[in-house]
């Protein structure tokens, strides 16, 4: 049971650190780009980039799962 609590504590500490970094990044973006107009083209490109990143992750996960299944057969 102690092992579970140690792991949970580590995960909670890591989660809090991620939240802190997220807030810092949000503040940085707001302060740096607050007074600049970002064109619709930039929004479109950022959306496309995010979609590509998500798709790459989905494919990598699928390939990893297949490799794991094939390795255990």
PDB file of N, CA and C in Angstrom:
ATOM      1  N   UNK A   1       0.824  -1.200   0.000  1.00  0.00           N
ATOM      2  CA  UNK A   1       0.000   0.000   0.000  1.00  0.00           C
ATOM      3  C   UNK A   1       0.865   1.259   0.000  1.00  0.00           C
ATOM      4  N   UNK A   2       1.994   1.190   0.681  1.00  0.00           N
ATOM      5  CA  UNK A   2       2.894   2.334   0.747  1.00  0.00           C
ATOM      6  C   UNK A   2       3.405   2.708  -0.636  1.00  0.00           C
ATOM      7  N   UNK A   3       3.686   1.693  -1.454  1.00  0.00           N
ATOM      8  CA  UNK A   3       4.144   1.929  -2.804  1.00  0.00           C
ATOM      9  C   UNK A   3       3.129   2.730  -3.612  1.00  0.00           C
ATOM     10  N   UNK A   4       1.859   2.403  -3.452  1.00  0.00           N
ATOM     11  CA  UNK A   4       0.785   3.109  -4.150  1.00  0.00           C
ATOM     12  C   UNK A   4       0.770   4.581  -3.746  1.00  0.00           C
ATOM     13  N   UNK A   5       0.892   4.846  -2.454  1.00  0.00           N
ATOM     14  CA  UNK A   5       0.861   6.229  -1.985  1.00  0.00           C
ATOM     15  C   UNK A   5       2.062   7.017  -2.485  1.00  0.00           C
ATOM     16  N   UNK A   6       3.242   6.386  -2.521  1.00  0.00           N
ATOM     17  CA  UNK A   6       4.428   7.060  -3.037  1.00  0.00           C
ATOM     18  C   UNK A   6       4.243   7.425  -4.508  1.00  0.00           C
ATOM     19  N   UNK A   7       3.728   6.486  -5.292  1.00  0.00           N
ATOM     20  CA  UNK A   7       3.505   6.737  -6.710  1.00  0.00           C
ATOM     21  C   UNK A   7       2.452   7.825  -6.906  1.00  0.00           C
ATOM     22  N   UNK A   8       1.396   7.780  -6.114  1.00  0.00           N
ATOM     23  CA  UNK A   8       0.348   8.795  -6.216  1.00  0.00           C
ATOM     24  C   UNK A   8       0.889  10.175  -5.858  1.00  0.00           C
ATOM     25  N   UNK A   9       1.716  10.243  -4.824  1.00  0.00           N
ATOM     26  CA  UNK A   9       2.328  11.520  -4.436  1.00  0.00           C
ATOM     27  C   UNK A   9       3.217  12.067  -5.552  1.00  0.00           C
ATOM     28  N   UNK A  10       3.996  11.190  -6.184  1.00  0.00           N
ATOM     29  CA  UNK A  10       4.852  11.617  -7.289  1.00  0.00           C
ATOM     30  C   UNK A  10       4.026  12.127  -8.459  1.00  0.00           C
ATOM     31  N   UNK A  11       2.945  11.419  -8.765  1.00  0.00           N
ATOM     32  CA  UNK A  11       2.078  11.854  -9.867  1.00  0.00           C
ATOM     33  C   UNK A  11       1.419  13.195  -9.570  1.00  0.00           C
ATOM     34  N   UNK A  12       0.980  13.378  -8.333  1.00  0.00           N
ATOM     35  CA  UNK A  12       0.366  14.654  -7.960  1.00  0.00           C
ATOM     36  C   UNK A  12       1.374  15.796  -8.028  1.00  0.00           C
ATOM     37  N   UNK A  13       2.609  15.538  -7.591  1.00  0.00           N
ATOM     38  CA  UNK A  13       3.644  16.567  -7.658  1.00  0.00           C
ATOM     39  C   UNK A  13       3.957  16.907  -9.112  1.00  0.00           C
ATOM     40  N   UNK A  14       4.031  15.875  -9.957  1.00  0.00           N
ATOM     41  CA  UNK A  14       4.291  16.096 -11.382  1.00  0.00           C
ATOM     42  C   UNK A  14       3.144  16.878 -12.022  1.00  0.00           C
ATOM     43  N   UNK A  15       1.915  16.529 -11.683  1.00  0.00           N
ATOM     44  CA  UNK A  15       0.749  17.233 -12.213  1.00  0.00           C
ATOM     45  C   UNK A  15       0.786  18.706 -11.827  1.00  0.00           C
ATOM     46  N   UNK A  16       1.135  18.976 -10.583  1.00  0.00           N
ATOM     47  CA  UNK A  16       1.201  20.371 -10.131  1.00  0.00           C
ATOM     48  C   UNK A  16       2.294  21.139 -10.875  1.00  0.00           C
ATOM     49  N   UNK A  17       3.422  20.483 -11.123  1.00  0.00           N
ATOM     50  CA  UNK A  17       4.497  21.123 -11.876  1.00  0.00           C
ATOM     51  C   UNK A  17       4.059  21.414 -13.314  1.00  0.00           C
ATOM     52  N   UNK A  18       3.339  20.490 -13.927  1.00  0.00           N
ATOM     53  CA  UNK A  18       2.827  20.722 -15.278  1.00  0.00           C
ATOM     54  C   UNK A  18       1.844  21.888 -15.307  1.00  0.00           C
ATOM     55  N   UNK A  19       0.989  21.956 -14.300  1.00  0.00           N
ATOM     56  CA  UNK A  19       0.034  23.080 -14.223  1.00  0.00           C
ATOM     57  C   UNK A  19       0.759  24.409 -14.078  1.00  0.00           C
ATOM     58  N   UNK A  20       1.821  24.419 -13.279  1.00  0.00           N
ATOM     59  CA  UNK A  20       2.612  25.641 -13.075  1.00  0.00           C
ATOM     60  C   UNK A  20       3.242  26.077 -14.402  1.00  0.00           C
ATOM     61  N   UNK A  21       3.843  25.119 -15.117  1.00  0.00           N
ATOM     62  CA  UNK A  21       4.457  25.449 -16.401  1.00  0.00           C
ATOM     63  C   UNK A  21       3.413  25.953 -17.396  1.00  0.00           C
ATOM     64  N   UNK A  22       2.220  25.364 -17.360  1.00  0.00           N
ATOM     65  CA  UNK A  22       1.150  25.796 -18.255  1.00  0.00           C
ATOM     66  C   UNK A  22       0.758  27.241 -17.959  1.00  0.00           C
ATOM     67  N   UNK A  23       0.595  27.562 -16.670  1.00  0.00           N
ATOM     68  CA  UNK A  23       0.250  28.947 -16.292  1.00  0.00           C
ATOM     69  C   UNK A  23       1.336  29.921 -16.723  1.00  0.00           C
ATOM     70  N   UNK A  24       2.608  29.529 -16.519  1.00  0.00           N
ATOM     71  CA  UNK A  24       3.714  30.402 -16.912  1.00  0.00           C
ATOM     72  C   UNK A  24       3.728  30.637 -18.414  1.00  0.00           C
ATOM     73  N   UNK A  25       3.497  29.584 -19.170  1.00  0.00           N
ATOM     74  CA  UNK A  25       3.462  29.711 -20.626  1.00  0.00           C
ATOM     75  C   UNK A  25       2.294  30.579 -21.069  1.00  0.00           C
ATOM     76  N   UNK A  26       1.139  30.403 -20.455  1.00  0.00           N
ATOM     77  CA  UNK A  26      -0.033  31.206 -20.777  1.00  0.00           C
ATOM     78  C   UNK A  26       0.245  32.682 -20.510  1.00  0.00           C
ATOM     79  N   UNK A  27       0.872  32.969 -19.377  1.00  0.00           N
ATOM     80  CA  UNK A  27       1.213  34.354 -19.031  1.00  0.00           C
ATOM     81  C   UNK A  27       2.196  34.926 -20.043  1.00  0.00           C
ATOM     82  N   UNK A  28       3.201  34.144 -20.393  1.00  0.00           N
ATOM     83  CA  UNK A  28       4.196  34.598 -21.366  1.00  0.00           C
ATOM     84  C   UNK A  28       3.545  34.929 -22.698  1.00  0.00           C
ATOM     85  N   UNK A  29       2.700  34.035 -23.180  1.00  0.00           N
ATOM     86  CA  UNK A  29       2.035  34.270 -24.461  1.00  0.00           C
ATOM     87  C   UNK A  29       1.164  35.518 -24.395  1.00  0.00           C
ATOM     88  N   UNK A  30       0.423  35.672 -23.312  1.00  0.00           N
ATOM     89  CA  UNK A  30      -0.454  36.840 -23.169  1.00  0.00           C
ATOM     90  C   UNK A  30       0.348  38.142 -23.150  1.00  0.00           C
ATOM     91  N   UNK A  31       1.449  38.150 -22.413  1.00  0.00           N
ATOM     92  CA  UNK A  31       2.252  39.367 -22.295  1.00  0.00           C
ATOM     93  C   UNK A  31       3.012  39.666 -23.583  1.00  0.00           C
ATOM     94  N   UNK A  32       3.466  38.644 -24.264  1.00  0.00           N
ATOM     95  CA  UNK A  32       4.287  38.840 -25.456  1.00  0.00           C
ATOM     96  C   UNK A  32       3.457  39.182 -26.680  1.00  0.00           C
ATOM     97  N   UNK A  33       2.310  38.544 -26.828  1.00  0.00           N
ATOM     98  CA  UNK A  33       1.526  38.708 -28.049  1.00  0.00           C
ATOM     99  C   UNK A  33       0.214  39.439 -27.835  1.00  0.00           C
ATOM    100  N   UNK A  34       0.038  40.048 -26.691  1.00  0.00           N
ATOM    101  CA  UNK A  34      -1.226  40.681 -26.324  1.00  0.00           C
ATOM    102  C   UNK A  34      -1.654  41.765 -27.304  1.00  0.00           C
ATOM    103  N   UNK A  35      -0.736  42.569 -27.769  1.00  0.00           N
ATOM    104  CA  UNK A  35      -1.107  43.714 -28.598  1.00  0.00           C
ATOM    105  C   UNK A  35      -0.888  43.473 -30.088  1.00  0.00           C
ATOM    106  N   UNK A  36      -0.690  42.248 -30.459  1.00  0.00           N
ATOM    107  CA  UNK A  36      -0.447  41.957 -31.867  1.00  0.00           C
ATOM    108  C   UNK A  36      -1.658  41.258 -32.474  1.00  0.00           C
ATOM    109  N   UNK A  37      -1.974  41.651 -33.672  1.00  0.00           N
ATOM    110  CA  UNK A  37      -3.051  40.972 -34.405  1.00  0.00           C
ATOM    111  C   UNK A  37      -2.476  39.753 -35.096  1.00  0.00           C
ATOM    112  N   UNK A  38      -3.086  38.622 -34.865  1.00  0.00           N
ATOM    113  CA  UNK A  38      -2.668  37.404 -35.534  1.00  0.00           C
ATOM    114  C   UNK A  38      -3.684  37.147 -36.642  1.00  0.00           C
ATOM    115  N   UNK A  39      -3.171  37.005 -37.816  1.00  0.00           N
ATOM    116  CA  UNK A  39      -4.049  36.877 -38.976  1.00  0.00           C
ATOM    117  C   UNK A  39      -4.761  35.530 -38.984  1.00  0.00           C
ATOM    118  N   UNK A  40      -5.870  35.475 -39.718  1.00  0.00           N
ATOM    119  CA  UNK A  40      -6.567  34.194 -39.880  1.00  0.00           C
ATOM    120  C   UNK A  40      -5.658  33.121 -40.472  1.00  0.00           C
ATOM    121  N   UNK A  41      -4.718  33.541 -41.289  1.00  0.00           N
ATOM    122  CA  UNK A  41      -3.777  32.584 -41.886  1.00  0.00           C
ATOM    123  C   UNK A  41      -2.919  31.920 -40.810  1.00  0.00           C
ATOM    124  N   UNK A  42      -2.477  32.686 -39.828  1.00  0.00           N
ATOM    125  CA  UNK A  42      -1.673  32.130 -38.737  1.00  0.00           C
ATOM    126  C   UNK A  42      -2.517  31.151 -37.928  1.00  0.00           C
ATOM    127  N   UNK A  43      -3.747  31.506 -37.630  1.00  0.00           N
ATOM    128  CA  UNK A  43      -4.651  30.588 -36.924  1.00  0.00           C
ATOM    129  C   UNK A  43      -4.850  29.288 -37.707  1.00  0.00           C
ATOM    130  N   UNK A  44      -5.028  29.413 -39.009  1.00  0.00           N
ATOM    131  CA  UNK A  44      -5.231  28.238 -39.840  1.00  0.00           C
ATOM    132  C   UNK A  44      -4.001  27.341 -39.819  1.00  0.00           C
ATOM    133  N   UNK A  45      -2.823  27.961 -39.914  1.00  0.00           N
ATOM    134  CA  UNK A  45      -1.588  27.185 -39.906  1.00  0.00           C
ATOM    135  C   UNK A  45      -1.358  26.505 -38.560  1.00  0.00           C
ATOM    136  N   UNK A  46      -1.659  27.206 -37.486  1.00  0.00           N
ATOM    137  CA  UNK A  46      -1.500  26.609 -36.155  1.00  0.00           C
ATOM    138  C   UNK A  46      -2.477  25.453 -35.959  1.00  0.00           C
ATOM    139  N   UNK A  47      -3.686  25.608 -36.464  1.00  0.00           N
ATOM    140  CA  UNK A  47      -4.676  24.533 -36.373  1.00  0.00           C
ATOM    141  C   UNK A  47      -4.218  23.323 -37.182  1.00  0.00           C
ATOM    142  N   UNK A  48      -3.706  23.586 -38.362  1.00  0.00           N
ATOM    143  CA  UNK A  48      -3.216  22.508 -39.207  1.00  0.00           C
ATOM    144  C   UNK A  48      -2.032  21.794 -38.552  1.00  0.00           C
ATOM    145  N   UNK A  49      -1.130  22.564 -37.970  1.00  0.00           N
ATOM    146  CA  UNK A  49       0.027  21.990 -37.298  1.00  0.00           C
ATOM    147  C   UNK A  49      -0.409  21.105 -36.126  1.00  0.00           C
ATOM    148  N   UNK A  50      -1.371  21.562 -35.360  1.00  0.00           N
ATOM    149  CA  UNK A  50      -1.882  20.783 -34.233  1.00  0.00           C
ATOM    150  C   UNK A  50      -2.549  19.503 -34.721  1.00  0.00           C
ATOM    151  N   UNK A  51      -3.315  19.600 -35.783  1.00  0.00           N
ATOM    152  CA  UNK A  51      -3.967  18.407 -36.333  1.00  0.00           C
ATOM    153  C   UNK A  51      -2.924  17.389 -36.779  1.00  0.00           C
ATOM    154  N   UNK A  52      -1.869  17.871 -37.445  1.00  0.00           N
ATOM    155  CA  UNK A  52      -0.807  16.971 -37.893  1.00  0.00           C
ATOM    156  C   UNK A  52      -0.121  16.291 -36.713  1.00  0.00           C
ATOM    157  N   UNK A  53       0.154  17.057 -35.680  1.00  0.00           N
ATOM    158  CA  UNK A  53       0.790  16.495 -34.484  1.00  0.00           C
ATOM    159  C   UNK A  53      -0.095  15.423 -33.859  1.00  0.00           C
ATOM    160  N   UNK A  54      -1.384  15.690 -33.759  1.00  0.00           N
ATOM    161  CA  UNK A  54      -2.326  14.708 -33.210  1.00  0.00           C
ATOM    162  C   UNK A  54      -2.382  13.456 -34.072  1.00  0.00           C
ATOM    163  N   UNK A  55      -2.397  13.637 -35.361  1.00  0.00           N
ATOM    164  CA  UNK A  55      -2.468  12.495 -36.274  1.00  0.00           C
ATOM    165  C   UNK A  55      -1.194  11.653 -36.186  1.00  0.00           C
ATOM    166  N   UNK A  56      -0.052  12.307 -36.116  1.00  0.00           N
ATOM    167  CA  UNK A  56       1.217  11.588 -35.952  1.00  0.00           C
ATOM    168  C   UNK A  56       1.180  10.758 -34.682  1.00  0.00           C
ATOM    169  N   UNK A  57       0.692  11.340 -33.612  1.00  0.00           N
ATOM    170  CA  UNK A  57       0.603  10.618 -32.339  1.00  0.00           C
ATOM    171  C   UNK A  57      -0.330   9.406 -32.458  1.00  0.00           C
ATOM    172  N   UNK A  58      -1.470   9.592 -33.103  1.00  0.00           N
ATOM    173  CA  UNK A  58      -2.414   8.473 -33.272  1.00  0.00           C
ATOM    174  C   UNK A  58      -1.778   7.325 -34.051  1.00  0.00           C
ATOM    175  N   UNK A  59      -1.063   7.668 -35.102  1.00  0.00           N
ATOM    176  CA  UNK A  59      -0.440   6.633 -35.924  1.00  0.00           C
ATOM    177  C   UNK A  59       0.694   5.947 -35.159  1.00  0.00           C
ATOM    178  N   UNK A  60       1.517   6.727 -34.477  1.00  0.00           N
ATOM    179  CA  UNK A  60       2.599   6.133 -33.684  1.00  0.00           C
ATOM    180  C   UNK A  60       2.050   5.196 -32.618  1.00  0.00           C
ATOM    181  N   UNK A  61       0.972   5.593 -31.974  1.00  0.00           N
ATOM    182  CA  UNK A  61       0.350   4.752 -30.954  1.00  0.00           C
ATOM    183  C   UNK A  61      -0.185   3.464 -31.569  1.00  0.00           C
ATOM    184  N   UNK A  62      -0.830   3.593 -32.707  1.00  0.00           N
ATOM    185  CA  UNK A  62      -1.373   2.419 -33.384  1.00  0.00           C
ATOM    186  C   UNK A  62      -0.252   1.455 -33.774  1.00  0.00           C
ATOM    187  N   UNK A  63       0.841   2.004 -34.308  1.00  0.00           N
ATOM    188  CA  UNK A  63       1.977   1.163 -34.698  1.00  0.00           C
ATOM    189  C   UNK A  63       2.622   0.511 -33.475  1.00  0.00           C
ATOM    190  N   UNK A  64       2.728   1.257 -32.434  1.00  0.00           N
ATOM    191  CA  UNK A  64       3.308   0.718 -31.190  1.00  0.00           C
ATOM    192  C   UNK A  64       2.462  -0.408 -30.650  1.00  0.00           C
ATOM    193  N   UNK A  65       1.142  -0.235 -30.667  1.00  0.00           N
ATOM    194  CA  UNK A  65       0.244  -1.281 -30.200  1.00  0.00           C
ATOM    195  C   UNK A  65       0.340  -2.529 -31.054  1.00  0.00           C
ATOM    196  N   UNK A  66       0.457  -2.342 -32.348  1.00  0.00           N
ATOM    197  CA  UNK A  66       0.590  -3.495 -33.252  1.00  0.00           C
ATOM    198  C   UNK A  66       1.890  -4.229 -33.012  1.00  0.00           C
ATOM    199  N   UNK A  67       2.979  -3.443 -32.802  1.00  0.00           N
ATOM    200  CA  UNK A  67       4.268  -4.068 -32.556  1.00  0.00           C
ATOM    201  C   UNK A  67       4.245  -4.860 -31.266  1.00  0.00           C
ATOM    202  N   UNK A  68       3.557  -4.335 -30.261  1.00  0.00           N
ATOM    203  CA  UNK A  68       3.436  -5.046 -28.982  1.00  0.00           C
ATOM    204  C   UNK A  68       2.638  -6.318 -29.160  1.00  0.00           C
ATOM    205  N   UNK A  69       1.541  -6.242 -29.896  1.00  0.00           N
ATOM    206  CA  UNK A  69       0.721  -7.441 -30.142  1.00  0.00           C
ATOM    207  C   UNK A  69       1.487  -8.478 -30.951  1.00  0.00           C
ATOM    208  N   UNK A  70       2.202  -8.041 -31.946  1.00  0.00           N
ATOM    209  CA  UNK A  70       2.969  -8.968 -32.774  1.00  0.00           C
ATOM    210  C   UNK A  70       4.133  -9.576 -32.014  1.00  0.00           C
ATOM    211  N   UNK A  71       4.696  -8.826 -31.110  1.00  0.00           N
ATOM    212  CA  UNK A  71       5.806  -9.326 -30.318  1.00  0.00           C
ATOM    213  C   UNK A  71       5.390 -10.367 -29.298  1.00  0.00           C
ATOM    214  N   UNK A  72       4.135 -10.309 -28.851  1.00  0.00           N
ATOM    215  CA  UNK A  72       3.664 -11.252 -27.850  1.00  0.00           C
ATOM    216  C   UNK A  72       3.050 -12.509 -28.459  1.00  0.00           C
ATOM    217  N   UNK A  73       2.885 -12.505 -29.795  1.00  0.00           N
ATOM    218  CA  UNK A  73       2.260 -13.669 -30.463  1.00  0.00           C
ATOM    219  C   UNK A  73       3.247 -14.788 -30.613  1.00  0.00           C
TER     220      UNK A  73
END
